Amino acid sequence: MIHSTDRRILADLDCAWWQDPATGFLPHCLTEAAHAPQTPIILGKDIGQLAHSDVLINLDDGTPNFFSRFQRLIEIVGTDETDRNFARQRWRFYQQRGYVTTHHDMSK
């Protein structure tokens, strides 16, 4: 699941993933779609009744209240200082609750 409360981000991802080439298509839908339970990639802000529980990618400033349902959580952090501050808060939140956190610098 890709989580965001920003509908524009979700719409941009949805649109981009329907683009050419056909071999690059990623099967996805919004969480409210009727076929969401059978779709590999879900975009949305709420987990609802979905059976997905493998990977949660968080694109939001806050911590999703359902994050612990997933086996793995990936936090995407930009280079903007405001984004980094929100990420630091989430990092502390996870560490204070005993979750093992790992940092991967993808900018290099």
PDB file of N, CA and C in Angstrom:
ATOM      1  N   MET A   1       0.840  -1.182   0.000  1.00  0.00           N
ATOM      2  CA  MET A   1       0.000   0.000   0.000  1.00  0.00           C
ATOM      3  C   MET A   1       0.876   1.232   0.000  1.00  0.00           C
ATOM      4  N   ILE A   2       0.471   2.217  -0.785  1.00  0.00           N
ATOM      5  CA  ILE A   2       1.118   3.512  -0.769  1.00  0.00           C
ATOM      6  C   ILE A   2       0.151   4.479  -0.097  1.00  0.00           C
ATOM      7  N   HIS A   3       0.607   5.032   1.027  1.00  0.00           N
ATOM      8  CA  HIS A   3      -0.251   5.863   1.864  1.00  0.00           C
ATOM      9  C   HIS A   3       0.067   7.343   1.693  1.00  0.00           C
ATOM     10  N   SER A   4      -1.001   8.124   1.479  1.00  0.00           N
ATOM     11  CA  SER A   4      -0.905   9.580   1.506  1.00  0.00           C
ATOM     12  C   SER A   4      -2.296  10.131   1.750  1.00  0.00           C
ATOM     13  N   THR A   5      -2.370  11.225   2.489  1.00  0.00           N
ATOM     14  CA  THR A   5      -3.648  11.917   2.661  1.00  0.00           C
ATOM     15  C   THR A   5      -3.813  13.009   1.608  1.00  0.00           C
ATOM     16  N   ASP A   6      -2.783  13.193   0.788  1.00  0.00           N
ATOM     17  CA  ASP A   6      -2.805  14.191  -0.280  1.00  0.00           C
ATOM     18  C   ASP A   6      -3.351  13.545  -1.559  1.00  0.00           C
ATOM     19  N   ARG A   7      -4.578  13.878  -1.917  1.00  0.00           N
ATOM     20  CA  ARG A   7      -5.227  13.282  -3.091  1.00  0.00           C
ATOM     21  C   ARG A   7      -4.463  13.595  -4.383  1.00  0.00           C
ATOM     22  N   ARG A   8      -3.782  14.742  -4.433  1.00  0.00           N
ATOM     23  CA  ARG A   8      -3.014  15.110  -5.620  1.00  0.00           C
ATOM     24  C   ARG A   8      -1.853  14.136  -5.833  1.00  0.00           C
ATOM     25  N   ILE A   9      -1.159  13.784  -4.774  1.00  0.00           N
ATOM     26  CA  ILE A   9      -0.052  12.826  -4.878  1.00  0.00           C
ATOM     27  C   ILE A   9      -0.575  11.485  -5.380  1.00  0.00           C
ATOM     28  N   LEU A  10      -1.681  11.033  -4.812  1.00  0.00           N
ATOM     29  CA  LEU A  10      -2.258   9.755  -5.224  1.00  0.00           C
ATOM     30  C   LEU A  10      -2.718   9.802  -6.686  1.00  0.00           C
ATOM     31  N   ALA A  11      -3.336  10.911  -7.083  1.00  0.00           N
ATOM     32  CA  ALA A  11      -3.795  11.056  -8.469  1.00  0.00           C
ATOM     33  C   ALA A  11      -2.613  11.090  -9.435  1.00  0.00           C
ATOM     34  N   ASP A  12      -1.535  11.770  -9.043  1.00  0.00           N
ATOM     35  CA  ASP A  12      -0.336  11.825  -9.898  1.00  0.00           C
ATOM     36  C   ASP A  12       0.267  10.437 -10.077  1.00  0.00           C
ATOM     37  N   LEU A  13       0.357   9.660  -9.002  1.00  0.00           N
ATOM     38  CA  LEU A  13       0.870   8.289  -9.105  1.00  0.00           C
ATOM     39  C   LEU A  13      -0.036   7.444  -9.983  1.00  0.00           C
ATOM     40  N   ASP A  14      -1.333   7.543  -9.741  1.00  0.00           N
ATOM     41  CA  ASP A  14      -2.297   6.778 -10.521  1.00  0.00           C
ATOM     42  C   ASP A  14      -2.146   7.083 -12.009  1.00  0.00           C
ATOM     43  N   CYS A  15      -2.052   8.339 -12.344  1.00  0.00           N
ATOM     44  CA  CYS A  15      -1.911   8.752 -13.748  1.00  0.00           C
ATOM     45  C   CYS A  15      -0.586   8.266 -14.329  1.00  0.00           C
ATOM     46  N   ALA A  16       0.494   8.452 -13.603  1.00  0.00           N
ATOM     47  CA  ALA A  16       1.819   8.053 -14.102  1.00  0.00           C
ATOM     48  C   ALA A  16       1.900   6.554 -14.355  1.00  0.00           C
ATOM     49  N   TRP A  17       1.260   5.774 -13.523  1.00  0.00           N
ATOM     50  CA  TRP A  17       1.346   4.317 -13.656  1.00  0.00           C
ATOM     51  C   TRP A  17       0.447   3.757 -14.751  1.00  0.00           C
ATOM     52  N   TRP A  18      -0.372   4.606 -15.369  1.00  0.00           N
ATOM     53  CA  TRP A  18      -1.169   4.192 -16.516  1.00  0.00           C
ATOM     54  C   TRP A  18      -0.507   4.596 -17.831  1.00  0.00           C
ATOM     55  N   GLN A  19       0.640   5.222 -17.756  1.00  0.00           N
ATOM     56  CA  GLN A  19       1.331   5.716 -18.946  1.00  0.00           C
ATOM     57  C   GLN A  19       2.103   4.606 -19.655  1.00  0.00           C
ATOM     58  N   ASP A  20       2.551   4.913 -20.873  1.00  0.00           N
ATOM     59  CA  ASP A  20       3.383   3.993 -21.650  1.00  0.00           C
ATOM     60  C   ASP A  20       4.741   3.876 -20.999  1.00  0.00           C
ATOM     61  N   PRO A  21       5.480   2.834 -21.223  1.00  0.00           N
ATOM     62  CA  PRO A  21       5.164   1.723 -22.111  1.00  0.00           C
ATOM     63  C   PRO A  21       4.259   0.709 -21.417  1.00  0.00           C
ATOM     64  N   ALA A  22       3.571  -0.069 -22.213  1.00  0.00           N
ATOM     65  CA  ALA A  22       2.655  -1.079 -21.664  1.00  0.00           C
ATOM     66  C   ALA A  22       3.386  -2.082 -20.789  1.00  0.00           C
ATOM     67  N   THR A  23       4.647  -2.352 -21.109  1.00  0.00           N
ATOM     68  CA  THR A  23       5.416  -3.321 -20.309  1.00  0.00           C
ATOM     69  C   THR A  23       5.829  -2.742 -18.964  1.00  0.00           C
ATOM     70  N   GLY A  24       5.659  -1.437 -18.800  1.00  0.00           N
ATOM     71  CA  GLY A  24       6.016  -0.794 -17.544  1.00  0.00           C
ATOM     72  C   GLY A  24       4.831  -0.597 -16.618  1.00  0.00           C
ATOM     73  N   PHE A  25       3.657  -1.071 -17.013  1.00  0.00           N
ATOM     74  CA  PHE A  25       2.449  -0.887 -16.213  1.00  0.00           C
ATOM     75  C   PHE A  25       2.569  -1.554 -14.852  1.00  0.00           C
ATOM     76  N   LEU A  26       2.166  -0.849 -13.814  1.00  0.00           N
ATOM     77  CA  LEU A  26       2.108  -1.396 -12.465  1.00  0.00           C
ATOM     78  C   LEU A  26       0.639  -1.545 -12.085  1.00  0.00           C
ATOM     79  N   PRO A  27       0.165  -2.767 -11.839  1.00  0.00           N
ATOM     80  CA  PRO A  27      -1.248  -2.961 -11.483  1.00  0.00           C
ATOM     81  C   PRO A  27      -1.548  -2.295 -10.144  1.00  0.00           C
ATOM     82  N   HIS A  28      -2.480  -1.363 -10.157  1.00  0.00           N
ATOM     83  CA  HIS A  28      -2.776  -0.585  -8.959  1.00  0.00           C
ATOM     84  C   HIS A  28      -4.208  -0.053  -9.027  1.00  0.00           C
ATOM     85  N   CYS A  29      -4.682   0.428  -7.894  1.00  0.00           N
ATOM     86  CA  CYS A  29      -5.962   1.125  -7.830  1.00  0.00           C
ATOM     87  C   CYS A  29      -6.047   1.868  -6.510  1.00  0.00           C
ATOM     88  N   LEU A  30      -7.049   2.701  -6.390  1.00  0.00           N
ATOM     89  CA  LEU A  30      -7.293   3.410  -5.140  1.00  0.00           C
ATOM     90  C   LEU A  30      -7.969   2.473  -4.147  1.00  0.00           C
ATOM     91  N   THR A  31      -7.788   2.728  -2.868  1.00  0.00           N
ATOM     92  CA  THR A  31      -8.321   1.839  -1.837  1.00  0.00           C
ATOM     93  C   THR A  31      -9.834   1.668  -1.919  1.00  0.00           C
ATOM     94  N   GLU A  32     -10.536   2.677  -2.439  1.00  0.00           N
ATOM     95  CA  GLU A  32     -11.999   2.586  -2.489  1.00  0.00           C
ATOM     96  C   GLU A  32     -12.522   1.818  -3.696  1.00  0.00           C
ATOM     97  N   ALA A  33     -11.643   1.393  -4.593  1.00  0.00           N
ATOM     98  CA  ALA A  33     -12.074   0.633  -5.773  1.00  0.00           C
ATOM     99  C   ALA A  33     -12.596  -0.746  -5.361  1.00  0.00           C
ATOM    100  N   ALA A  34     -13.612  -1.213  -6.057  1.00  0.00           N
ATOM    101  CA  ALA A  34     -14.208  -2.516  -5.731  1.00  0.00           C
ATOM    102  C   ALA A  34     -13.201  -3.650  -5.848  1.00  0.00           C
ATOM    103  N   HIS A  35     -12.256  -3.547  -6.768  1.00  0.00           N
ATOM    104  CA  HIS A  35     -11.274  -4.613  -6.980  1.00  0.00           C
ATOM    105  C   HIS A  35      -9.995  -4.426  -6.152  1.00  0.00           C
ATOM    106  N   ALA A  36      -9.981  -3.491  -5.217  1.00  0.00           N
ATOM    107  CA  ALA A  36      -8.796  -3.231  -4.394  1.00  0.00           C
ATOM    108  C   ALA A  36      -8.278  -4.470  -3.659  1.00  0.00           C
ATOM    109  N   PRO A  37      -9.146  -5.310  -3.087  1.00  0.00           N
ATOM    110  CA  PRO A  37      -8.618  -6.478  -2.369  1.00  0.00           C
ATOM    111  C   PRO A  37      -7.805  -7.440  -3.234  1.00  0.00           C
ATOM    112  N   GLN A  38      -8.025  -7.418  -4.546  1.00  0.00           N
ATOM    113  CA  GLN A  38      -7.295  -8.318  -5.435  1.00  0.00           C
ATOM    114  C   GLN A  38      -6.154  -7.622  -6.181  1.00  0.00           C
ATOM    115  N   THR A  39      -5.933  -6.346  -5.931  1.00  0.00           N
ATOM    116  CA  THR A  39      -4.942  -5.572  -6.666  1.00  0.00           C
ATOM    117  C   THR A  39      -3.636  -5.491  -5.876  1.00  0.00           C
ATOM    118  N   PRO A  40      -2.499  -5.742  -6.534  1.00  0.00           N
ATOM    119  CA  PRO A  40      -1.221  -5.778  -5.820  1.00  0.00           C
ATOM    120  C   PRO A  40      -0.783  -4.463  -5.179  1.00  0.00           C
ATOM    121  N   ILE A  41      -1.062  -3.327  -5.835  1.00  0.00           N
ATOM    122  CA  ILE A  41      -0.636  -2.030  -5.301  1.00  0.00           C
ATOM    123  C   ILE A  41      -1.877  -1.182  -5.049  1.00  0.00           C
ATOM    124  N   ILE A  42      -1.990  -0.714  -3.810  1.00  0.00           N
ATOM    125  CA  ILE A  42      -3.141   0.074  -3.402  1.00  0.00           C
ATOM    126  C   ILE A  42      -2.669   1.479  -3.052  1.00  0.00           C
ATOM    127  N   LEU A  43      -3.398   2.484  -3.525  1.00  0.00           N
ATOM    128  CA  LEU A  43      -3.093   3.884  -3.228  1.00  0.00           C
ATOM    129  C   LEU A  43      -4.217   4.452  -2.382  1.00  0.00           C
ATOM    130  N   GLY A  44      -3.885   5.073  -1.252  1.00  0.00           N
ATOM    131  CA  GLY A  44      -4.944   5.681  -0.463  1.00  0.00           C
ATOM    132  C   GLY A  44      -4.499   6.203   0.874  1.00  0.00           C
ATOM    133  N   LYS A  45      -5.485   6.698   1.625  1.00  0.00           N
ATOM    134  CA  LYS A  45      -5.200   7.231   2.954  1.00  0.00           C
ATOM    135  C   LYS A  45      -5.687   6.304   4.064  1.00  0.00           C
ATOM    136  N   ASP A  46      -6.631   5.432   3.761  1.00  0.00           N
ATOM    137  CA  ASP A  46      -7.182   4.518   4.769  1.00  0.00           C
ATOM    138  C   ASP A  46      -7.045   3.083   4.302  1.00  0.00           C
ATOM    139  N   ILE A  47      -6.765   2.196   5.216  1.00  0.00           N
ATOM    140  CA  ILE A  47      -6.596   0.780   4.886  1.00  0.00           C
ATOM    141  C   ILE A  47      -7.948   0.102   4.699  1.00  0.00           C
ATOM    142  N   GLY A  48      -8.950   0.554   5.415  1.00  0.00           N
ATOM    143  CA  GLY A  48     -10.277  -0.031   5.284  1.00  0.00           C
ATOM    144  C   GLY A  48     -10.277  -1.527   5.559  1.00  0.00           C
ATOM    145  N   GLN A  49     -10.930  -2.281   4.719  1.00  0.00           N
ATOM    146  CA  GLN A  49     -11.066  -3.726   4.879  1.00  0.00           C
ATOM    147  C   GLN A  49     -10.065  -4.516   4.023  1.00  0.00           C
ATOM    148  N   LEU A  50      -9.045  -3.858   3.542  1.00  0.00           N
ATOM    149  CA  LEU A  50      -8.104  -4.525   2.653  1.00  0.00           C
ATOM    150  C   LEU A  50      -7.314  -5.610   3.357  1.00  0.00           C
ATOM    151  N   ALA A  51      -7.006  -6.635   2.611  1.00  0.00           N
ATOM    152  CA  ALA A  51      -6.253  -7.765   3.162  1.00  0.00           C
ATOM    153  C   ALA A  51      -4.745  -7.550   3.060  1.00  0.00           C
ATOM    154  N   HIS A  52      -4.315  -6.507   2.369  1.00  0.00           N
ATOM    155  CA  HIS A  52      -2.894  -6.251   2.189  1.00  0.00           C
ATOM    156  C   HIS A  52      -2.211  -5.998   3.531  1.00  0.00           C
ATOM    157  N   SER A  53      -1.067  -6.622   3.730  1.00  0.00           N
ATOM    158  CA  SER A  53      -0.327  -6.371   4.968  1.00  0.00           C
ATOM    159  C   SER A  53       1.172  -6.592   4.798  1.00  0.00           C
ATOM    160  N   ASP A  54       1.650  -6.616   3.559  1.00  0.00           N
ATOM    161  CA  ASP A  54       3.073  -6.857   3.322  1.00  0.00           C
ATOM    162  C   ASP A  54       3.902  -5.582   3.518  1.00  0.00           C
ATOM    163  N   VAL A  55       3.731  -4.605   2.640  1.00  0.00           N
ATOM    164  CA  VAL A  55       4.556  -3.401   2.648  1.00  0.00           C
ATOM    165  C   VAL A  55       3.675  -2.164   2.626  1.00  0.00           C
ATOM    166  N   LEU A  56       3.999  -1.231   3.498  1.00  0.00           N
ATOM    167  CA  LEU A  56       3.346   0.076   3.529  1.00  0.00           C
ATOM    168  C   LEU A  56       4.409   1.118   3.200  1.00  0.00           C
ATOM    169  N   ILE A  57       4.167   1.918   2.163  1.00  0.00           N
ATOM    170  CA  ILE A  57       5.053   3.026   1.821  1.00  0.00           C
ATOM    171  C   ILE A  57       4.331   4.306   2.230  1.00  0.00           C
ATOM    172  N   ASN A  58       4.939   5.030   3.158  1.00  0.00           N
ATOM    173  CA  ASN A  58       4.320   6.236   3.681  1.00  0.00           C
ATOM    174  C   ASN A  58       4.864   7.467   2.966  1.00  0.00           C
ATOM    175  N   LEU A  59       3.973   8.218   2.327  1.00  0.00           N
ATOM    176  CA  LEU A  59       4.341   9.465   1.664  1.00  0.00           C
ATOM    177  C   LEU A  59       3.775  10.663   2.415  1.00  0.00           C
ATOM    178  N   ASP A  60       3.279  10.435   3.611  1.00  0.00           N
ATOM    179  CA  ASP A  60       2.627  11.474   4.394  1.00  0.00           C
ATOM    180  C   ASP A  60       3.577  12.049   5.439  1.00  0.00           C
ATOM    181  N   ASP A  61       3.213  13.218   5.989  1.00  0.00           N
ATOM    182  CA  ASP A  61       4.015  13.820   7.054  1.00  0.00           C
ATOM    183  C   ASP A  61       3.878  13.077   8.371  1.00  0.00           C
ATOM    184  N   GLY A  62       2.715  12.498   8.604  1.00  0.00           N
ATOM    185  CA  GLY A  62       2.449  11.813   9.863  1.00  0.00           C
ATOM    186  C   GLY A  62       2.592  10.308   9.755  1.00  0.00           C
ATOM    187  N   THR A  63       2.461   9.671  10.890  1.00  0.00           N
ATOM    188  CA  THR A  63       2.528   8.215  10.964  1.00  0.00           C
ATOM    189  C   THR A  63       1.131   7.647  10.765  1.00  0.00           C
ATOM    190  N   PRO A  64       0.936   6.761   9.796  1.00  0.00           N
ATOM    191  CA  PRO A  64      -0.393   6.157   9.608  1.00  0.00           C
ATOM    192  C   PRO A  64      -0.769   5.352  10.854  1.00  0.00           C
ATOM    193  N   ASN A  65      -1.989   5.519  11.338  1.00  0.00           N
ATOM    194  CA  ASN A  65      -2.386   4.835  12.567  1.00  0.00           C
ATOM    195  C   ASN A  65      -2.482   3.322  12.411  1.00  0.00           C
ATOM    196  N   PHE A  66      -2.429   2.814  11.197  1.00  0.00           N
ATOM    197  CA  PHE A  66      -2.528   1.379  10.944  1.00  0.00           C
ATOM    198  C   PHE A  66      -1.190   0.770  10.535  1.00  0.00           C
ATOM    199  N   PHE A  67      -0.082   1.489  10.719  1.00  0.00           N
ATOM    200  CA  PHE A  67       1.220   1.028  10.227  1.00  0.00           C
ATOM    201  C   PHE A  67       1.628  -0.322  10.804  1.00  0.00           C
ATOM    202  N   SER A  68       1.267  -0.604  12.040  1.00  0.00           N
ATOM    203  CA  SER A  68       1.716  -1.842  12.697  1.00  0.00           C
ATOM    204  C   SER A  68       1.071  -3.087  12.088  1.00  0.00           C
ATOM    205  N   ARG A  69       0.064  -2.909  11.294  1.00  0.00           N
ATOM    206  CA  ARG A  69      -0.582  -4.034  10.612  1.00  0.00           C
ATOM    207  C   ARG A  69       0.322  -4.626   9.521  1.00  0.00           C
ATOM    208  N   PHE A  70       1.273  -3.837   9.050  1.00  0.00           N
ATOM    209  CA  PHE A  70       2.132  -4.243   7.943  1.00  0.00           C
ATOM    210  C   PHE A  70       3.422  -4.891   8.434  1.00  0.00           C
ATOM    211  N   GLN A  71       3.924  -5.817   7.637  1.00  0.00           N
ATOM    212  CA  GLN A  71       5.173  -6.490   7.964  1.00  0.00           C
ATOM    213  C   GLN A  71       6.366  -5.568   7.789  1.00  0.00           C
ATOM    214  N   ARG A  72       6.252  -4.626   6.875  1.00  0.00           N
ATOM    215  CA  ARG A  72       7.354  -3.728   6.581  1.00  0.00           C
ATOM    216  C   ARG A  72       6.810  -2.338   6.268  1.00  0.00           C
ATOM    217  N   LEU A  73       7.494  -1.325   6.798  1.00  0.00           N
ATOM    218  CA  LEU A  73       7.124   0.068   6.557  1.00  0.00           C
ATOM    219  C   LEU A  73       8.306   0.772   5.907  1.00  0.00           C
ATOM    220  N   ILE A  74       8.030   1.492   4.829  1.00  0.00           N
ATOM    221  CA  ILE A  74       9.054   2.282   4.155  1.00  0.00           C
ATOM    222  C   ILE A  74       8.630   3.738   4.225  1.00  0.00           C
ATOM    223  N   GLU A  75       9.512   4.559   4.773  1.00  0.00           N
ATOM    224  CA  GLU A  75       9.273   5.996   4.851  1.00  0.00           C
ATOM    225  C   GLU A  75      10.080   6.669   3.756  1.00  0.00           C
ATOM    226  N   ILE A  76       9.441   7.475   2.947  1.00  0.00           N
ATOM    227  CA  ILE A  76      10.121   8.220   1.902  1.00  0.00           C
ATOM    228  C   ILE A  76      10.372   9.621   2.437  1.00  0.00           C
ATOM    229  N   VAL A  77      11.635  10.045   2.419  1.00  0.00           N
ATOM    230  CA  VAL A  77      12.016  11.349   2.948  1.00  0.00           C
ATOM    231  C   VAL A  77      12.692  12.158   1.842  1.00  0.00           C
ATOM    232  N   GLY A  78      12.184  13.347   1.613  1.00  0.00           N
ATOM    233  CA  GLY A  78      12.758  14.223   0.600  1.00  0.00           C
ATOM    234  C   GLY A  78      13.932  15.015   1.139  1.00  0.00           C
ATOM    235  N   THR A  79      14.393  15.944   0.343  1.00  0.00           N
ATOM    236  CA  THR A  79      15.535  16.766   0.731  1.00  0.00           C
ATOM    237  C   THR A  79      15.114  18.072   1.387  1.00  0.00           C
ATOM    238  N   ASP A  80      13.841  18.385   1.324  1.00  0.00           N
ATOM    239  CA  ASP A  80      13.300  19.584   1.944  1.00  0.00           C
ATOM    240  C   ASP A  80      13.436  19.486   3.468  1.00  0.00           C
ATOM    241  N   GLU A  81      13.869  20.556   4.110  1.00  0.00           N
ATOM    242  CA  GLU A  81      14.112  20.523   5.558  1.00  0.00           C
ATOM    243  C   GLU A  81      12.829  20.273   6.355  1.00  0.00           C
ATOM    244  N   THR A  82      11.706  20.802   5.898  1.00  0.00           N
ATOM    245  CA  THR A  82      10.437  20.550   6.577  1.00  0.00           C
ATOM    246  C   THR A  82      10.101  19.060   6.518  1.00  0.00           C
ATOM    247  N   ASP A  83      10.263  18.457   5.356  1.00  0.00           N
ATOM    248  CA  ASP A  83      10.021  17.018   5.193  1.00  0.00           C
ATOM    249  C   ASP A  83      10.947  16.215   6.101  1.00  0.00           C
ATOM    250  N   ARG A  84      12.200  16.618   6.176  1.00  0.00           N
ATOM    251  CA  ARG A  84      13.163  15.914   7.034  1.00  0.00           C
ATOM    252  C   ARG A  84      12.776  16.000   8.509  1.00  0.00           C
ATOM    253  N   ASN A  85      12.257  17.158   8.935  1.00  0.00           N
ATOM    254  CA  ASN A  85      11.838  17.307  10.336  1.00  0.00           C
ATOM    255  C   ASN A  85      10.667  16.380  10.659  1.00  0.00           C
ATOM    256  N   PHE A  86       9.705  16.297   9.755  1.00  0.00           N
ATOM    257  CA  PHE A  86       8.601  15.359   9.961  1.00  0.00           C
ATOM    258  C   PHE A  86       9.129  13.923  10.020  1.00  0.00           C
ATOM    259  N   ALA A  87      10.083  13.601   9.159  1.00  0.00           N
ATOM    260  CA  ALA A  87      10.665  12.256   9.137  1.00  0.00           C
ATOM    261  C   ALA A  87      11.383  11.952  10.441  1.00  0.00           C
ATOM    262  N   ARG A  88      12.070  12.912  10.987  1.00  0.00           N
ATOM    263  CA  ARG A  88      12.751  12.715  12.277  1.00  0.00           C
ATOM    264  C   ARG A  88      11.737  12.406  13.383  1.00  0.00           C
ATOM    265  N   GLN A  89      10.619  13.106  13.360  1.00  0.00           N
ATOM    266  CA  GLN A  89       9.566  12.847  14.349  1.00  0.00           C
ATOM    267  C   GLN A  89       9.029  11.427  14.206  1.00  0.00           C
ATOM    268  N   ARG A  90       8.803  10.984  12.972  1.00  0.00           N
ATOM    269  CA  ARG A  90       8.311   9.620  12.754  1.00  0.00           C
ATOM    270  C   ARG A  90       9.354   8.606  13.202  1.00  0.00           C
ATOM    271  N   TRP A  91      10.612   8.854  12.890  1.00  0.00           N
ATOM    272  CA  TRP A  91      11.718   7.963  13.276  1.00  0.00           C
ATOM    273  C   TRP A  91      11.723   7.782  14.797  1.00  0.00           C
ATOM    274  N   ARG A  92      11.653   8.908  15.527  1.00  0.00           N
ATOM    275  CA  ARG A  92      11.626   8.828  16.997  1.00  0.00           C
ATOM    276  C   ARG A  92      10.393   8.063  17.485  1.00  0.00           C
ATOM    277  N   PHE A  93       9.250   8.294  16.866  1.00  0.00           N
ATOM    278  CA  PHE A  93       8.021   7.603  17.215  1.00  0.00           C
ATOM    279  C   PHE A  93       8.216   6.083  17.126  1.00  0.00           C
ATOM    280  N   TYR A  94       8.794   5.614  16.023  1.00  0.00           N
ATOM    281  CA  TYR A  94       9.012   4.173  15.838  1.00  0.00           C
ATOM    282  C   TYR A  94      10.029   3.639  16.834  1.00  0.00           C
ATOM    283  N   GLN A  95      11.113   4.358  17.030  1.00  0.00           N
ATOM    284  CA  GLN A  95      12.152   3.899  17.953  1.00  0.00           C
ATOM    285  C   GLN A  95      11.640   3.848  19.387  1.00  0.00           C
ATOM    286  N   GLN A  96      10.869   4.824  19.811  1.00  0.00           N
ATOM    287  CA  GLN A  96      10.316   4.848  21.164  1.00  0.00           C
ATOM    288  C   GLN A  96       9.388   3.670  21.420  1.00  0.00           C
ATOM    289  N   ARG A  97       8.846   3.109  20.373  1.00  0.00           N
ATOM    290  CA  ARG A  97       7.945   1.964  20.507  1.00  0.00           C
ATOM    291  C   ARG A  97       8.654   0.637  20.266  1.00  0.00           C
ATOM    292  N   GLY A  98       9.972   0.699  20.130  1.00  0.00           N
ATOM    293  CA  GLY A  98      10.757  -0.522  20.029  1.00  0.00           C
ATOM    294  C   GLY A  98      10.932  -1.100  18.640  1.00  0.00           C
ATOM    295  N   TYR A  99      10.519  -0.368  17.619  1.00  0.00           N
ATOM    296  CA  TYR A  99      10.684  -0.878  16.266  1.00  0.00           C
ATOM    297  C   TYR A  99      12.134  -0.706  15.809  1.00  0.00           C
ATOM    298  N   VAL A 100      12.644  -1.684  15.109  1.00  0.00           N
ATOM    299  CA  VAL A 100      13.987  -1.597  14.543  1.00  0.00           C
ATOM    300  C   VAL A 100      13.904  -0.725  13.299  1.00  0.00           C
ATOM    301  N   THR A 101      14.721   0.321  13.263  1.00  0.00           N
ATOM    302  CA  THR A 101      14.703   1.235  12.123  1.00  0.00           C
ATOM    303  C   THR A 101      16.050   1.184  11.407  1.00  0.00           C
ATOM    304  N   THR A 102      15.988   1.291  10.095  1.00  0.00           N
ATOM    305  CA  THR A 102      17.180   1.270   9.262  1.00  0.00           C
ATOM    306  C   THR A 102      17.109   2.433   8.294  1.00  0.00           C
ATOM    307  N   HIS A 103      18.205   3.128   8.142  1.00  0.00           N
ATOM    308  CA  HIS A 103      18.281   4.282   7.246  1.00  0.00           C
ATOM    309  C   HIS A 103      19.019   3.902   5.978  1.00  0.00           C
ATOM    310  N   HIS A 104      18.459   4.279   4.833  1.00  0.00           N
ATOM    311  CA  HIS A 104      19.103   4.049   3.535  1.00  0.00           C
ATOM    312  C   HIS A 104      19.161   5.382   2.812  1.00  0.00           C
ATOM    313  N   ASP A 105      20.362   5.900   2.586  1.00  0.00           N
ATOM    314  CA  ASP A 105      20.528   7.155   1.870  1.00  0.00           C
ATOM    315  C   ASP A 105      20.560   6.870   0.385  1.00  0.00           C
ATOM    316  N   MET A 106      19.482   7.224  -0.314  1.00  0.00           N
ATOM    317  CA  MET A 106      19.352   6.939  -1.741  1.00  0.00           C
ATOM    318  C   MET A 106      19.844   8.105  -2.593  1.00  0.00           C
ATOM    319  N   SER A 107      20.314   9.168  -1.952  1.00  0.00           N
ATOM    320  CA  SER A 107      20.741  10.347  -2.707  1.00  0.00           C
ATOM    321  C   SER A 107      22.152  10.210  -3.269  1.00  0.00           C
ATOM    322  N   LYS A 108      22.847   9.192  -2.872  1.00  0.00           N
ATOM    323  CA  LYS A 108      24.236   9.031  -3.317  1.00  0.00           C
ATOM    324  C   LYS A 108      24.331   8.103  -4.491  1.00  0.00           C
TER     325      LYS A 108
END
